[in-house]
């Protein structure tokens, strides 16, 4: 069964309430792309009247991790996933609605195949770019995911 935005958003409410209550939501997910959204509000602001960097990180990580979860589920194998490293660059204050786009879903397939075939852990770097309503990039996050058969 494919994960849908509504299933993932329900998952957030029960398993990651900090993401849910700060307004992070999955807008769309396919095999290669995931889009998440978060709007600057009182609950997720910093003292400088913009979105707190960690909330941006939650939305960015979800845009990468949701695809990893989906592909692990489709593999019908017990595979663990964990963020090993991350990098972030901030280029503009995050105000209004920020959309995070990750287009690296194709990287996951090879890593899952290799970890199943060899039993060794695999790592992949995935990038998520956050843009405001004007289309300006506000932040870029990169996450190094590790995948390993349980």
C-alpha atoms as a PDB file:
ATOM      1  CA  UNK A   1       0.000   0.000   0.000  1.00  0.00           C
ATOM      2  CA  UNK A   2       1.384   3.406  -1.022  1.00  0.00           C
ATOM      3  CA  UNK A   3       1.737   6.119   1.554  1.00  0.00           C
ATOM      4  CA  UNK A   4      -0.448   9.141   0.839  1.00  0.00           C
ATOM      5  CA  UNK A   5      -0.104  12.695   2.155  1.00  0.00           C
ATOM      6  CA  UNK A   6      -3.128  12.205   4.439  1.00  0.00           C
ATOM      7  CA  UNK A   7      -1.672   8.983   5.924  1.00  0.00           C
ATOM      8  CA  UNK A   8       1.683  10.631   6.557  1.00  0.00           C
ATOM      9  CA  UNK A   9       0.052  13.725   8.083  1.00  0.00           C
ATOM     10  CA  UNK A  10      -1.985  11.488  10.429  1.00  0.00           C
ATOM     11  CA  UNK A  11       1.248   9.696  11.344  1.00  0.00           C
ATOM     12  CA  UNK A  12       2.734  13.088  12.271  1.00  0.00           C
ATOM     13  CA  UNK A  13      -0.097  13.830  14.676  1.00  0.00           C
ATOM     14  CA  UNK A  14       0.474  10.620  16.657  1.00  0.00           C
ATOM     15  CA  UNK A  15       4.200   9.929  16.249  1.00  0.00           C
ATOM     16  CA  UNK A  16       5.757  13.364  15.632  1.00  0.00           C
ATOM     17  CA  UNK A  17       3.440  15.861  17.313  1.00  0.00           C
ATOM     18  CA  UNK A  18       6.036  18.651  17.289  1.00  0.00           C
ATOM     19  CA  UNK A  19       6.014  18.509  13.478  1.00  0.00           C
ATOM     20  CA  UNK A  20       2.221  18.409  13.327  1.00  0.00           C
ATOM     21  CA  UNK A  21       1.587  21.266  15.758  1.00  0.00           C
ATOM     22  CA  UNK A  22       4.168  23.535  14.129  1.00  0.00           C
ATOM     23  CA  UNK A  23       2.245  23.139  10.860  1.00  0.00           C
ATOM     24  CA  UNK A  24       4.453  20.807   8.831  1.00  0.00           C
ATOM     25  CA  UNK A  25       2.422  18.876   6.222  1.00  0.00           C
ATOM     26  CA  UNK A  26       3.112  16.603   3.255  1.00  0.00           C
ATOM     27  CA  UNK A  27       1.470  18.062   0.152  1.00  0.00           C
ATOM     28  CA  UNK A  28       2.423  15.412  -2.420  1.00  0.00           C
ATOM     29  CA  UNK A  29       4.533  12.282  -2.714  1.00  0.00           C
ATOM     30  CA  UNK A  30       5.566  10.148  -5.693  1.00  0.00           C
ATOM     31  CA  UNK A  31       8.354   7.611  -6.241  1.00  0.00           C
ATOM     32  CA  UNK A  32      10.817  10.392  -7.084  1.00  0.00           C
ATOM     33  CA  UNK A  33       9.495  13.586  -5.480  1.00  0.00           C
ATOM     34  CA  UNK A  34       8.027  14.729  -2.188  1.00  0.00           C
ATOM     35  CA  UNK A  35       6.754  18.200  -1.332  1.00  0.00           C
ATOM     36  CA  UNK A  36       6.158  19.412   2.208  1.00  0.00           C
ATOM     37  CA  UNK A  37       4.810  22.734   3.406  1.00  0.00           C
ATOM     38  CA  UNK A  38       4.929  24.861   6.528  1.00  0.00           C
ATOM     39  CA  UNK A  39       3.580  28.360   7.158  1.00  0.00           C
ATOM     40  CA  UNK A  40       5.259  30.931   9.382  1.00  0.00           C
ATOM     41  CA  UNK A  41       3.053  31.324  12.469  1.00  0.00           C
ATOM     42  CA  UNK A  42       3.443  32.320  16.095  1.00  0.00           C
ATOM     43  CA  UNK A  43       4.076  28.706  17.185  1.00  0.00           C
ATOM     44  CA  UNK A  44       7.087  28.268  14.875  1.00  0.00           C
ATOM     45  CA  UNK A  45       8.686  31.718  14.876  1.00  0.00           C
ATOM     46  CA  UNK A  46      12.051  32.882  16.141  1.00  0.00           C
ATOM     47  CA  UNK A  47      12.758  36.230  17.876  1.00  0.00           C
ATOM     48  CA  UNK A  48      13.550  37.809  14.471  1.00  0.00           C
ATOM     49  CA  UNK A  49       9.983  37.469  13.139  1.00  0.00           C
ATOM     50  CA  UNK A  50      10.717  34.606  10.766  1.00  0.00           C
ATOM     51  CA  UNK A  51      10.440  30.823  10.907  1.00  0.00           C
ATOM     52  CA  UNK A  52      12.701  29.021  13.379  1.00  0.00           C
ATOM     53  CA  UNK A  53      15.428  27.096  11.554  1.00  0.00           C
ATOM     54  CA  UNK A  54      14.538  23.795  13.255  1.00  0.00           C
ATOM     55  CA  UNK A  55      10.966  23.900  11.916  1.00  0.00           C
ATOM     56  CA  UNK A  56      12.395  24.331   8.432  1.00  0.00           C
ATOM     57  CA  UNK A  57      14.609  21.322   9.165  1.00  0.00           C
ATOM     58  CA  UNK A  58      11.606  19.215  10.173  1.00  0.00           C
ATOM     59  CA  UNK A  59       9.801  20.040   6.918  1.00  0.00           C
ATOM     60  CA  UNK A  60      12.938  19.431   4.853  1.00  0.00           C
ATOM     61  CA  UNK A  61      13.741  16.121   6.563  1.00  0.00           C
ATOM     62  CA  UNK A  62      10.156  14.939   6.084  1.00  0.00           C
ATOM     63  CA  UNK A  63      10.367  15.635   2.342  1.00  0.00           C
ATOM     64  CA  UNK A  64      13.278  13.193   2.131  1.00  0.00           C
ATOM     65  CA  UNK A  65      12.285  10.699   4.827  1.00  0.00           C
ATOM     66  CA  UNK A  66       8.706  10.167   3.623  1.00  0.00           C
ATOM     67  CA  UNK A  67      10.010   8.727   0.358  1.00  0.00           C
ATOM     68  CA  UNK A  68      12.480   6.514   2.229  1.00  0.00           C
ATOM     69  CA  UNK A  69       9.639   5.200   4.438  1.00  0.00           C
ATOM     70  CA  UNK A  70       7.458   4.549   1.393  1.00  0.00           C
ATOM     71  CA  UNK A  71      10.124   2.624  -0.491  1.00  0.00           C
ATOM     72  CA  UNK A  72      11.077   0.561   2.573  1.00  0.00           C
ATOM     73  CA  UNK A  73       7.401  -0.343   2.992  1.00  0.00           C
ATOM     74  CA  UNK A  74       7.180  -1.386  -0.678  1.00  0.00           C
ATOM     75  CA  UNK A  75      10.285  -3.587  -0.345  1.00  0.00           C
ATOM     76  CA  UNK A  76       8.514  -5.838   2.221  1.00  0.00           C
ATOM     77  CA  UNK A  77      11.824  -6.136   4.090  1.00  0.00           C
ATOM     78  CA  UNK A  78      12.771  -5.075   7.585  1.00  0.00           C
ATOM     79  CA  UNK A  79      15.047  -2.123   6.876  1.00  0.00           C
ATOM     80  CA  UNK A  80      16.051   0.512   9.398  1.00  0.00           C
ATOM     81  CA  UNK A  81      16.523   4.150   8.443  1.00  0.00           C
ATOM     82  CA  UNK A  82      18.367   6.871  10.302  1.00  0.00           C
ATOM     83  CA  UNK A  83      19.802  10.313   9.555  1.00  0.00           C
ATOM     84  CA  UNK A  84      23.571  10.141   9.981  1.00  0.00           C
ATOM     85  CA  UNK A  85      24.491  13.718   8.991  1.00  0.00           C
ATOM     86  CA  UNK A  86      22.888  16.866   7.726  1.00  0.00           C
ATOM     87  CA  UNK A  87      23.916  20.213   6.259  1.00  0.00           C
ATOM     88  CA  UNK A  88      21.886  23.390   5.956  1.00  0.00           C
ATOM     89  CA  UNK A  89      22.247  26.713   4.195  1.00  0.00           C
ATOM     90  CA  UNK A  90      19.969  29.679   4.889  1.00  0.00           C
ATOM     91  CA  UNK A  91      19.723  32.376   2.237  1.00  0.00           C
ATOM     92  CA  UNK A  92      16.695  34.467   3.204  1.00  0.00           C
ATOM     93  CA  UNK A  93      14.286  34.957   6.125  1.00  0.00           C
ATOM     94  CA  UNK A  94      11.537  32.344   5.990  1.00  0.00           C
ATOM     95  CA  UNK A  95       8.187  34.149   6.073  1.00  0.00           C
ATOM     96  CA  UNK A  96       4.794  33.099   4.777  1.00  0.00           C
ATOM     97  CA  UNK A  97       4.350  29.593   3.355  1.00  0.00           C
ATOM     98  CA  UNK A  98       7.540  27.658   2.626  1.00  0.00           C
ATOM     99  CA  UNK A  99       7.442  24.636   0.303  1.00  0.00           C
ATOM    100  CA  UNK A 100      10.231  22.055   0.529  1.00  0.00           C
ATOM    101  CA  UNK A 101      10.893  19.981  -2.593  1.00  0.00           C
ATOM    102  CA  UNK A 102      13.001  16.826  -2.697  1.00  0.00           C
ATOM    103  CA  UNK A 103      13.542  15.188  -6.093  1.00  0.00           C
ATOM    104  CA  UNK A 104      16.014  12.474  -5.029  1.00  0.00           C
ATOM    105  CA  UNK A 105      13.673   9.482  -4.727  1.00  0.00           C
ATOM    106  CA  UNK A 106      15.545   7.549  -7.399  1.00  0.00           C
ATOM    107  CA  UNK A 107      18.611   7.335  -5.121  1.00  0.00           C
ATOM    108  CA  UNK A 108      16.667   5.258  -2.586  1.00  0.00           C
ATOM    109  CA  UNK A 109      15.994   2.281  -4.877  1.00  0.00           C
ATOM    110  CA  UNK A 110      19.661   1.455  -5.428  1.00  0.00           C
ATOM    111  CA  UNK A 111      20.480   1.745  -1.724  1.00  0.00           C
ATOM    112  CA  UNK A 112      17.620  -0.580  -0.756  1.00  0.00           C
ATOM    113  CA  UNK A 113      18.645  -3.142  -3.397  1.00  0.00           C
ATOM    114  CA  UNK A 114      22.282  -3.059  -2.236  1.00  0.00           C
ATOM    115  CA  UNK A 115      21.490  -3.386   1.465  1.00  0.00           C
ATOM    116  CA  UNK A 116      19.134  -6.330   0.783  1.00  0.00           C
ATOM    117  CA  UNK A 117      21.680  -8.055  -1.487  1.00  0.00           C
ATOM    118  CA  UNK A 118      24.737  -7.543   0.710  1.00  0.00           C
ATOM    119  CA  UNK A 119      23.343  -7.053   4.218  1.00  0.00           C
ATOM    120  CA  UNK A 120      25.664  -4.067   4.548  1.00  0.00           C
ATOM    121  CA  UNK A 121      24.396  -0.633   5.465  1.00  0.00           C
ATOM    122  CA  UNK A 122      24.084   1.909   2.681  1.00  0.00           C
ATOM    123  CA  UNK A 123      24.126   5.696   2.807  1.00  0.00           C
ATOM    124  CA  UNK A 124      22.583   8.256   0.479  1.00  0.00           C
ATOM    125  CA  UNK A 125      22.577  12.038   0.482  1.00  0.00           C
ATOM    126  CA  UNK A 126      19.235  13.657  -0.309  1.00  0.00           C
ATOM    127  CA  UNK A 127      18.600  17.373  -0.828  1.00  0.00           C
ATOM    128  CA  UNK A 128      15.506  19.430  -0.020  1.00  0.00           C
ATOM    129  CA  UNK A 129      15.111  23.024  -1.117  1.00  0.00           C
ATOM    130  CA  UNK A 130      12.727  25.409   0.648  1.00  0.00           C
ATOM    131  CA  UNK A 131      11.144  28.220  -1.365  1.00  0.00           C
ATOM    132  CA  UNK A 132       8.786  30.998  -0.373  1.00  0.00           C
ATOM    133  CA  UNK A 133       5.649  32.078  -2.265  1.00  0.00           C
ATOM    134  CA  UNK A 134       7.748  34.304  -4.567  1.00  0.00           C
ATOM    135  CA  UNK A 135       9.864  31.302  -5.585  1.00  0.00           C
ATOM    136  CA  UNK A 136      12.934  32.552  -3.728  1.00  0.00           C
ATOM    137  CA  UNK A 137      15.051  29.923  -2.009  1.00  0.00           C
ATOM    138  CA  UNK A 138      15.087  30.446   1.763  1.00  0.00           C
ATOM    139  CA  UNK A 139      17.002  27.318   2.775  1.00  0.00           C
ATOM    140  CA  UNK A 140      18.623  24.176   1.419  1.00  0.00           C
ATOM    141  CA  UNK A 141      18.986  21.079   3.566  1.00  0.00           C
ATOM    142  CA  UNK A 142      20.936  17.918   2.793  1.00  0.00           C
ATOM    143  CA  UNK A 143      20.456  14.716   4.783  1.00  0.00           C
ATOM    144  CA  UNK A 144      22.649  11.618   4.792  1.00  0.00           C
ATOM    145  CA  UNK A 145      20.298   8.662   5.317  1.00  0.00           C
ATOM    146  CA  UNK A 146      21.595   5.251   6.366  1.00  0.00           C
ATOM    147  CA  UNK A 147      19.662   2.129   5.385  1.00  0.00           C
ATOM    148  CA  UNK A 148      20.347  -1.334   6.767  1.00  0.00           C
ATOM    149  CA  UNK A 149      18.535  -4.657   6.827  1.00  0.00           C
ATOM    150  CA  UNK A 150      17.408  -5.459  10.371  1.00  0.00           C
END
